[in-house]
PDB file of N, CA and C in Angstrom:
ATOM      1  N   MET A   1      72.765 -23.002 -41.263  1.00  0.00           N
ATOM      2  CA  MET A   1      73.527 -23.778 -40.300  1.00  0.00           C
ATOM      3  C   MET A   1      74.337 -25.105 -40.924  1.00  0.00           C
ATOM      4  N   TYR A   2      75.447 -25.030 -40.807  1.00  0.00           N
ATOM      5  CA  TYR A   2      76.077 -26.381 -41.734  1.00  0.00           C
ATOM      6  C   TYR A   2      76.335 -27.572 -40.420  1.00  0.00           C
ATOM      7  N   ALA A   3      76.205 -28.934 -41.104  1.00  0.00           N
ATOM      8  CA  ALA A   3      76.257 -30.112 -40.540  1.00  0.00           C
ATOM      9  C   ALA A   3      75.347 -30.103 -39.459  1.00  0.00           C
ATOM     10  N   TRP A   4      74.184 -29.756 -39.426  1.00  0.00           N
ATOM     11  CA  TRP A   4      73.316 -30.062 -38.760  1.00  0.00           C
ATOM     12  C   TRP A   4      72.413 -31.399 -38.756  1.00  0.00           C
ATOM     13  N   ARG A   5      72.465 -31.808 -40.085  1.00  0.00           N
ATOM     14  CA  ARG A   5      71.933 -33.426 -40.324  1.00  0.00           C
ATOM     15  C   ARG A   5      72.957 -34.448 -39.794  1.00  0.00           C
ATOM     16  N   ALA A   6      74.280 -34.182 -40.154  1.00  0.00           N
ATOM     17  CA  ALA A   6      75.272 -34.891 -39.646  1.00  0.00           C
ATOM     18  C   ALA A   6      76.688 -34.518 -40.325  1.00  0.00           C
ATOM     19  N   ARG A   7      77.623 -35.186 -39.681  1.00  0.00           N
ATOM     20  CA  ARG A   7      78.998 -35.001 -40.057  1.00  0.00           C
ATOM     21  C   ARG A   7      79.561 -36.391 -40.282  1.00  0.00           C
ATOM     22  N   ILE A   8      79.980 -36.343 -41.892  1.00  0.00           N
ATOM     23  CA  ILE A   8      80.583 -37.761 -41.968  1.00  0.00           C
ATOM     24  C   ILE A   8      81.769 -37.610 -42.257  1.00  0.00           C
ATOM     25  N   GLY A   9      82.822 -38.546 -41.887  1.00  0.00           N
ATOM     26  CA  GLY A   9      84.338 -38.648 -42.046  1.00  0.00           C
ATOM     27  C   GLY A   9      84.506 -39.512 -43.160  1.00  0.00           C
ATOM     28  N   LEU A  10      85.304 -39.117 -44.117  1.00  0.00           N
ATOM     29  CA  LEU A  10      85.427 -40.049 -45.193  1.00  0.00           C
ATOM     30  C   LEU A  10      87.036 -40.389 -45.393  1.00  0.00           C
ATOM     31  N   ILE A  11      87.461 -41.786 -45.000  1.00  0.00           N
ATOM     32  CA  ILE A  11      88.561 -41.930 -45.343  1.00  0.00           C
ATOM     33  C   ILE A  11      88.864 -42.487 -46.624  1.00  0.00           C
ATOM     34  N   ASN A  12      89.764 -42.062 -47.591  1.00  0.00           N
ATOM     35  CA  ASN A  12      90.136 -42.390 -48.898  1.00  0.00           C
ATOM     36  C   ASN A  12      91.402 -42.925 -49.033  1.00  0.00           C
ATOM     37  N   PRO A  13      91.759 -44.045 -49.576  1.00  0.00           N
ATOM     38  CA  PRO A  13      92.828 -44.638 -49.908  1.00  0.00           C
ATOM     39  C   PRO A  13      94.233 -43.728 -50.670  1.00  0.00           C
ATOM     40  N   THR A  14      93.388 -43.039 -51.953  1.00  0.00           N
ATOM     41  CA  THR A  14      94.485 -42.296 -52.335  1.00  0.00           C
ATOM     42  C   THR A  14      94.377 -40.544 -52.268  1.00  0.00           C
ATOM     43  N   HIS A  15      94.988 -40.134 -52.848  1.00  0.00           N
ATOM     44  CA  HIS A  15      94.560 -38.620 -52.935  1.00  0.00           C
ATOM     45  C   HIS A  15      93.775 -38.071 -53.974  1.00  0.00           C
ATOM     46  N   ARG A  16      92.996 -39.141 -54.927  1.00  0.00           N
ATOM     47  CA  ARG A  16      92.258 -38.660 -56.028  1.00  0.00           C
ATOM     48  C   ARG A  16      90.997 -38.473 -55.561  1.00  0.00           C
ATOM     49  N   GLY A  17      90.461 -37.757 -56.103  1.00  0.00           N
ATOM     50  CA  GLY A  17      89.054 -36.977 -55.577  1.00  0.00           C
ATOM     51  C   GLY A  17      87.632 -37.719 -55.854  1.00  0.00           C
ATOM     52  N   LYS A  18      87.800 -39.023 -56.318  1.00  0.00           N
ATOM     53  CA  LYS A  18      86.662 -39.340 -57.509  1.00  0.00           C
ATOM     54  C   LYS A  18      85.758 -39.833 -55.846  1.00  0.00           C
ATOM     55  N   ALA A  19      86.263 -40.460 -54.978  1.00  0.00           N
ATOM     56  CA  ALA A  19      85.425 -40.753 -53.772  1.00  0.00           C
ATOM     57  C   ALA A  19      84.685 -39.500 -53.319  1.00  0.00           C
ATOM     58  N   PHE A  20      85.523 -38.503 -52.930  1.00  0.00           N
ATOM     59  CA  PHE A  20      85.137 -37.361 -52.139  1.00  0.00           C
ATOM     60  C   PHE A  20      83.910 -36.716 -53.367  1.00  0.00           C
ATOM     61  N   ALA A  21      84.051 -36.980 -54.499  1.00  0.00           N
ATOM     62  CA  ALA A  21      82.882 -36.187 -55.649  1.00  0.00           C
ATOM     63  C   ALA A  21      81.904 -36.958 -55.286  1.00  0.00           C
ATOM     64  N   PHE A  22      82.132 -38.448 -55.200  1.00  0.00           N
ATOM     65  CA  PHE A  22      80.740 -39.061 -55.207  1.00  0.00           C
ATOM     66  C   PHE A  22      79.991 -38.650 -53.937  1.00  0.00           C
ATOM     67  N   TRP A  23      80.681 -38.361 -53.021  1.00  0.00           N
ATOM     68  CA  TRP A  23      79.908 -38.411 -51.552  1.00  0.00           C
ATOM     69  C   TRP A  23      79.248 -36.928 -51.572  1.00  0.00           C
ATOM     70  N   TYR A  24      80.010 -36.066 -52.185  1.00  0.00           N
ATOM     71  CA  TYR A  24      79.792 -34.488 -52.330  1.00  0.00           C
ATOM     72  C   TYR A  24      78.378 -34.254 -52.976  1.00  0.00           C
ATOM     73  N   LYS A  25      78.454 -35.107 -54.182  1.00  0.00           N
ATOM     74  CA  LYS A  25      77.356 -34.970 -54.955  1.00  0.00           C
ATOM     75  C   LYS A  25      75.747 -35.288 -54.515  1.00  0.00           C
ATOM     76  N   ARG A  26      75.894 -36.411 -53.365  1.00  0.00           N
ATOM     77  CA  ARG A  26      74.938 -37.174 -53.128  1.00  0.00           C
ATOM     78  C   ARG A  26      74.226 -36.872 -51.794  1.00  0.00           C
ATOM     79  N   VAL A  27      74.907 -36.366 -51.090  1.00  0.00           N
ATOM     80  CA  VAL A  27      74.359 -35.776 -49.528  1.00  0.00           C
ATOM     81  C   VAL A  27      73.736 -34.697 -49.460  1.00  0.00           C
ATOM     82  N   PRO A  28      72.522 -34.890 -48.585  1.00  0.00           N
ATOM     83  CA  PRO A  28      71.560 -33.485 -48.721  1.00  0.00           C
ATOM     84  C   PRO A  28      72.427 -32.331 -47.870  1.00  0.00           C
ATOM     85  N   GLU A  29      71.551 -31.329 -48.059  1.00  0.00           N
ATOM     86  CA  GLU A  29      71.969 -30.115 -47.441  1.00  0.00           C
ATOM     87  C   GLU A  29      71.808 -30.283 -46.044  1.00  0.00           C
ATOM     88  N   GLY A  30      72.933 -29.902 -45.380  1.00  0.00           N
ATOM     89  CA  GLY A  30      73.082 -30.234 -43.651  1.00  0.00           C
ATOM     90  C   GLY A  30      73.911 -31.090 -43.445  1.00  0.00           C
ATOM     91  N   VAL A  31      74.354 -31.868 -44.575  1.00  0.00           N
ATOM     92  CA  VAL A  31      75.694 -32.930 -44.148  1.00  0.00           C
ATOM     93  C   VAL A  31      76.955 -32.290 -44.833  1.00  0.00           C
ATOM     94  N   GLU A  32      77.935 -32.540 -43.474  1.00  0.00           N
ATOM     95  CA  GLU A  32      79.214 -31.725 -43.692  1.00  0.00           C
ATOM     96  C   GLU A  32      80.084 -33.146 -44.082  1.00  0.00           C
ATOM     97  N   ILE A  33      80.944 -33.292 -45.183  1.00  0.00           N
ATOM     98  CA  ILE A  33      81.876 -34.223 -45.280  1.00  0.00           C
ATOM     99  C   ILE A  33      83.396 -33.833 -45.118  1.00  0.00           C
ATOM    100  N   ILE A  34      83.828 -34.541 -44.040  1.00  0.00           N
ATOM    101  CA  ILE A  34      85.336 -34.267 -43.794  1.00  0.00           C
ATOM    102  C   ILE A  34      85.993 -35.269 -44.605  1.00  0.00           C
ATOM    103  N   PRO A  35      86.976 -35.180 -45.711  1.00  0.00           N
ATOM    104  CA  PRO A  35      87.730 -36.013 -46.396  1.00  0.00           C
ATOM    105  C   PRO A  35      89.016 -36.266 -45.754  1.00  0.00           C
ATOM    106  N   THR A  36      89.356 -37.200 -45.730  1.00  0.00           N
ATOM    107  CA  THR A  36      90.870 -37.639 -45.249  1.00  0.00           C
ATOM    108  C   THR A  36      91.538 -38.607 -46.100  1.00  0.00           C
ATOM    109  N   PHE A  37      93.016 -38.973 -46.273  1.00  0.00           N
ATOM    110  CA  PHE A  37      93.558 -39.384 -47.021  1.00  0.00           C
ATOM    111  C   PHE A  37      94.518 -40.487 -46.440  1.00  0.00           C
ATOM    112  N   ILE A  38      94.554 -41.885 -46.718  1.00  0.00           N
ATOM    113  CA  ILE A  38      95.642 -42.722 -46.578  1.00  0.00           C
ATOM    114  C   ILE A  38      96.912 -42.506 -47.020  1.00  0.00           C
ATOM    115  N   GLY A  39      96.716 -42.142 -48.194  1.00  0.00           N
ATOM    116  CA  GLY A  39      97.810 -41.561 -48.928  1.00  0.00           C
ATOM    117  C   GLY A  39      98.711 -42.878 -49.852  1.00  0.00           C
ATOM    118  N   PHE A  40      97.838 -44.189 -50.128  1.00  0.00           N
ATOM    119  CA  PHE A  40      98.474 -45.085 -50.983  1.00  0.00           C
ATOM    120  C   PHE A  40      99.090 -44.331 -52.362  1.00  0.00           C
ATOM    121  N   ARG A  41     100.327 -44.740 -52.527  1.00  0.00           N
ATOM    122  CA  ARG A  41     100.964 -44.694 -54.235  1.00  0.00           C
ATOM    123  C   ARG A  41     101.220 -45.787 -54.705  1.00  0.00           C
ATOM    124  N   SER A  42     101.092 -46.931 -53.913  1.00  0.00           N
ATOM    125  CA  SER A  42     101.436 -48.291 -54.983  1.00  0.00           C
ATOM    126  C   SER A  42     100.636 -48.998 -54.337  1.00  0.00           C
ATOM    127  N   SER A  43     100.351 -50.166 -55.026  1.00  0.00           N
ATOM    128  CA  SER A  43      99.495 -51.191 -55.050  1.00  0.00           C
ATOM    129  C   SER A  43      99.976 -52.569 -54.506  1.00  0.00           C
ATOM    130  N   ASP A  44     101.079 -52.553 -53.463  1.00  0.00           N
ATOM    131  CA  ASP A  44     101.661 -53.935 -53.101  1.00  0.00           C
ATOM    132  C   ASP A  44     101.018 -54.142 -51.682  1.00  0.00           C
ATOM    133  N   ARG A  45     101.153 -55.462 -51.426  1.00  0.00           N
ATOM    134  CA  ARG A  45     100.703 -56.175 -49.890  1.00  0.00           C
ATOM    135  C   ARG A  45     101.381 -55.026 -48.751  1.00  0.00           C
ATOM    136  N   ASP A  46     102.547 -55.042 -48.753  1.00  0.00           N
ATOM    137  CA  ASP A  46     103.129 -54.425 -47.684  1.00  0.00           C
ATOM    138  C   ASP A  46     102.695 -52.821 -47.529  1.00  0.00           C
ATOM    139  N   THR A  47     102.353 -52.274 -48.624  1.00  0.00           N
ATOM    140  CA  THR A  47     101.825 -50.746 -48.503  1.00  0.00           C
ATOM    141  C   THR A  47     100.284 -51.001 -47.897  1.00  0.00           C
ATOM    142  N   PHE A  48      99.555 -51.823 -48.371  1.00  0.00           N
ATOM    143  CA  PHE A  48      98.120 -52.014 -47.944  1.00  0.00           C
ATOM    144  C   PHE A  48      98.208 -52.272 -46.292  1.00  0.00           C
ATOM    145  N   GLU A  49      99.191 -53.104 -45.808  1.00  0.00           N
ATOM    146  CA  GLU A  49      99.207 -53.672 -44.695  1.00  0.00           C
ATOM    147  C   GLU A  49      99.695 -52.332 -43.417  1.00  0.00           C
ATOM    148  N   GLN A  50     100.338 -51.591 -44.088  1.00  0.00           N
ATOM    149  CA  GLN A  50     100.524 -50.311 -43.325  1.00  0.00           C
ATOM    150  C   GLN A  50      99.435 -49.369 -43.439  1.00  0.00           C
ATOM    151  N   GLY A  51      98.902 -49.550 -44.256  1.00  0.00           N
ATOM    152  CA  GLY A  51      97.667 -48.363 -44.391  1.00  0.00           C
ATOM    153  C   GLY A  51      96.454 -48.626 -43.505  1.00  0.00           C
ATOM    154  N   PHE A  52      96.427 -50.019 -42.825  1.00  0.00           N
ATOM    155  CA  PHE A  52      95.468 -50.284 -41.387  1.00  0.00           C
ATOM    156  C   PHE A  52      95.768 -49.234 -40.501  1.00  0.00           C
ATOM    157  N   LYS A  53      97.008 -49.095 -40.051  1.00  0.00           N
ATOM    158  CA  LYS A  53      97.502 -48.105 -38.920  1.00  0.00           C
ATOM    159  C   LYS A  53      96.884 -46.809 -39.161  1.00  0.00           C
ATOM    160  N   ARG A  54      97.509 -46.206 -40.496  1.00  0.00           N
ATOM    161  CA  ARG A  54      97.005 -44.921 -40.969  1.00  0.00           C
ATOM    162  C   ARG A  54      95.352 -44.735 -41.065  1.00  0.00           C
ATOM    163  N   ALA A  55      94.709 -45.931 -41.322  1.00  0.00           N
ATOM    164  CA  ALA A  55      93.423 -45.816 -41.287  1.00  0.00           C
ATOM    165  C   ALA A  55      92.613 -45.672 -40.004  1.00  0.00           C
ATOM    166  N   GLU A  56      93.133 -46.299 -38.918  1.00  0.00           N
ATOM    167  CA  GLU A  56      92.913 -46.203 -37.544  1.00  0.00           C
ATOM    168  C   GLU A  56      93.252 -44.766 -37.053  1.00  0.00           C
ATOM    169  N   GLU A  57      94.374 -44.303 -37.209  1.00  0.00           N
ATOM    170  CA  GLU A  57      94.444 -42.909 -36.916  1.00  0.00           C
ATOM    171  C   GLU A  57      93.539 -41.787 -37.213  1.00  0.00           C
ATOM    172  N   LEU A  58      93.420 -41.791 -38.634  1.00  0.00           N
ATOM    173  CA  LEU A  58      92.588 -40.820 -39.494  1.00  0.00           C
ATOM    174  C   LEU A  58      91.286 -41.132 -38.729  1.00  0.00           C
ATOM    175  N   ALA A  59      90.637 -42.274 -38.441  1.00  0.00           N
ATOM    176  CA  ALA A  59      89.447 -42.713 -37.627  1.00  0.00           C
ATOM    177  C   ALA A  59      89.251 -41.954 -36.378  1.00  0.00           C
ATOM    178  N   ALA A  60      90.409 -42.015 -35.655  1.00  0.00           N
ATOM    179  CA  ALA A  60      90.392 -41.217 -34.386  1.00  0.00           C
ATOM    180  C   ALA A  60      90.182 -39.831 -34.621  1.00  0.00           C
ATOM    181  N   ASP A  61      91.035 -39.285 -35.450  1.00  0.00           N
ATOM    182  CA  ASP A  61      90.875 -37.907 -35.863  1.00  0.00           C
ATOM    183  C   ASP A  61      89.600 -37.290 -36.151  1.00  0.00           C
ATOM    184  N   LEU A  62      88.979 -38.216 -36.795  1.00  0.00           N
ATOM    185  CA  LEU A  62      87.539 -37.949 -37.312  1.00  0.00           C
ATOM    186  C   LEU A  62      86.693 -38.087 -36.286  1.00  0.00           C
ATOM    187  N   LYS A  63      86.794 -38.844 -35.262  1.00  0.00           N
ATOM    188  CA  LYS A  63      85.884 -38.904 -34.276  1.00  0.00           C
ATOM    189  C   LYS A  63      85.901 -38.081 -33.106  1.00  0.00           C
ATOM    190  N   SER A  64      87.261 -37.422 -33.272  1.00  0.00           N
ATOM    191  CA  SER A  64      87.369 -36.302 -32.226  1.00  0.00           C
ATOM    192  C   SER A  64      87.049 -34.775 -33.022  1.00  0.00           C
ATOM    193  N   ALA A  65      86.822 -35.054 -34.122  1.00  0.00           N
ATOM    194  CA  ALA A  65      86.221 -33.912 -35.118  1.00  0.00           C
ATOM    195  C   ALA A  65      84.923 -33.661 -35.063  1.00  0.00           C
ATOM    196  N   GLY A  66      84.197 -34.648 -34.130  1.00  0.00           N
ATOM    197  CA  GLY A  66      82.661 -34.798 -34.111  1.00  0.00           C
ATOM    198  C   GLY A  66      81.820 -35.416 -35.105  1.00  0.00           C
ATOM    199  N   CYS A  67      82.614 -36.479 -36.228  1.00  0.00           N
ATOM    200  CA  CYS A  67      81.892 -37.229 -36.976  1.00  0.00           C
ATOM    201  C   CYS A  67      81.098 -38.041 -36.512  1.00  0.00           C
ATOM    202  N   ASP A  68      79.938 -38.166 -37.364  1.00  0.00           N
ATOM    203  CA  ASP A  68      78.745 -38.975 -36.698  1.00  0.00           C
ATOM    204  C   ASP A  68      78.961 -40.504 -37.344  1.00  0.00           C
ATOM    205  N   ILE A  69      79.320 -40.314 -38.453  1.00  0.00           N
ATOM    206  CA  ILE A  69      79.659 -41.835 -39.148  1.00  0.00           C
ATOM    207  C   ILE A  69      80.900 -41.443 -39.824  1.00  0.00           C
ATOM    208  N   ILE A  70      81.801 -42.661 -39.958  1.00  0.00           N
ATOM    209  CA  ILE A  70      83.251 -42.588 -40.355  1.00  0.00           C
ATOM    210  C   ILE A  70      83.103 -43.823 -41.494  1.00  0.00           C
ATOM    211  N   SER A  71      83.298 -43.494 -42.806  1.00  0.00           N
ATOM    212  CA  SER A  71      83.219 -44.216 -44.079  1.00  0.00           C
ATOM    213  C   SER A  71      84.713 -44.504 -44.410  1.00  0.00           C
ATOM    214  N   VAL A  72      85.103 -45.858 -44.567  1.00  0.00           N
ATOM    215  CA  VAL A  72      86.260 -46.499 -45.284  1.00  0.00           C
ATOM    216  C   VAL A  72      86.041 -46.247 -46.801  1.00  0.00           C
ATOM    217  N   SER A  73      86.635 -45.656 -47.588  1.00  0.00           N
ATOM    218  CA  SER A  73      86.318 -46.220 -49.036  1.00  0.00           C
ATOM    219  C   SER A  73      87.659 -47.098 -49.819  1.00  0.00           C
ATOM    220  N   GLY A  74      87.429 -47.779 -50.686  1.00  0.00           N
ATOM    221  CA  GLY A  74      88.233 -48.780 -51.343  1.00  0.00           C
ATOM    222  C   GLY A  74      88.107 -49.848 -50.482  1.00  0.00           C
ATOM    223  N   THR A  75      88.287 -51.033 -51.672  1.00  0.00           N
ATOM    224  CA  THR A  75      88.894 -52.374 -50.918  1.00  0.00           C
ATOM    225  C   THR A  75      89.851 -53.011 -50.625  1.00  0.00           C
ATOM    226  N   PRO A  76      90.795 -52.859 -51.681  1.00  0.00           N
ATOM    227  CA  PRO A  76      92.156 -53.659 -51.321  1.00  0.00           C
ATOM    228  C   PRO A  76      92.472 -53.922 -50.224  1.00  0.00           C
ATOM    229  N   PRO A  77      92.742 -53.135 -49.205  1.00  0.00           N
ATOM    230  CA  PRO A  77      93.366 -53.373 -47.877  1.00  0.00           C
ATOM    231  C   PRO A  77      92.349 -54.205 -47.168  1.00  0.00           C
ATOM    232  N   VAL A  78      91.433 -53.893 -47.138  1.00  0.00           N
ATOM    233  CA  VAL A  78      90.366 -55.039 -46.296  1.00  0.00           C
ATOM    234  C   VAL A  78      90.256 -56.366 -46.906  1.00  0.00           C
ATOM    235  N   LEU A  79      90.517 -56.526 -48.230  1.00  0.00           N
ATOM    236  CA  LEU A  79      90.475 -57.791 -48.790  1.00  0.00           C
ATOM    237  C   LEU A  79      91.357 -58.980 -48.626  1.00  0.00           C
ATOM    238  N   LEU A  80      92.700 -58.230 -48.060  1.00  0.00           N
ATOM    239  CA  LEU A  80      93.737 -58.861 -47.606  1.00  0.00           C
ATOM    240  C   LEU A  80      93.426 -59.772 -46.327  1.00  0.00           C
ATOM    241  N   LYS A  81      92.666 -59.087 -45.374  1.00  0.00           N
ATOM    242  CA  LYS A  81      92.496 -59.622 -44.093  1.00  0.00           C
ATOM    243  C   LYS A  81      91.128 -60.229 -44.079  1.00  0.00           C
ATOM    244  N   GLY A  82      90.218 -60.252 -44.973  1.00  0.00           N
ATOM    245  CA  GLY A  82      89.027 -61.185 -45.229  1.00  0.00           C
ATOM    246  C   GLY A  82      87.780 -60.405 -44.424  1.00  0.00           C
ATOM    247  N   LEU A  83      86.642 -61.006 -44.661  1.00  0.00           N
ATOM    248  CA  LEU A  83      85.347 -60.599 -44.647  1.00  0.00           C
ATOM    249  C   LEU A  83      85.235 -60.515 -42.827  1.00  0.00           C
ATOM    250  N   ASP A  84      85.702 -61.404 -42.261  1.00  0.00           N
ATOM    251  CA  ASP A  84      85.080 -61.452 -40.966  1.00  0.00           C
ATOM    252  C   ASP A  84      86.283 -60.209 -40.303  1.00  0.00           C
ATOM    253  N   PHE A  85      87.414 -60.096 -40.852  1.00  0.00           N
ATOM    254  CA  PHE A  85      87.968 -58.632 -40.438  1.00  0.00           C
ATOM    255  C   PHE A  85      87.207 -57.394 -40.731  1.00  0.00           C
ATOM    256  N   GLU A  86      86.915 -57.495 -41.755  1.00  0.00           N
ATOM    257  CA  GLU A  86      85.987 -55.993 -42.175  1.00  0.00           C
ATOM    258  C   GLU A  86      84.605 -55.805 -41.351  1.00  0.00           C
ATOM    259  N   ARG A  87      84.188 -56.974 -41.026  1.00  0.00           N
ATOM    260  CA  ARG A  87      83.045 -56.657 -40.219  1.00  0.00           C
ATOM    261  C   ARG A  87      83.388 -56.128 -38.778  1.00  0.00           C
ATOM    262  N   GLU A  88      84.406 -57.021 -38.207  1.00  0.00           N
ATOM    263  CA  GLU A  88      84.801 -56.450 -36.919  1.00  0.00           C
ATOM    264  C   GLU A  88      85.371 -55.062 -36.959  1.00  0.00           C
ATOM    265  N   TRP A  89      86.277 -54.733 -37.803  1.00  0.00           N
ATOM    266  CA  TRP A  89      87.029 -53.477 -37.960  1.00  0.00           C
ATOM    267  C   TRP A  89      85.960 -52.310 -38.153  1.00  0.00           C
TER     268      TRP A  89
END
């Protein structure tokens, strides 16, 4: 049986596979990982600001897919808004 322990939604900042590979190699049997991507292609403030809206859309999709946990990889966008924002978000 697949995903009998947990289903983890992973929101990655870019389409590179490093974050997914990290999770995939470490999760125990019975855990499913559902990867999604914000799709950043440049590292400027405007792009990161727009990424918050995309991350929220992806999180809603992952929740409706039955994810028990949703993890947001990467730090640059969150750093723009500060630690209190990250805790609340």
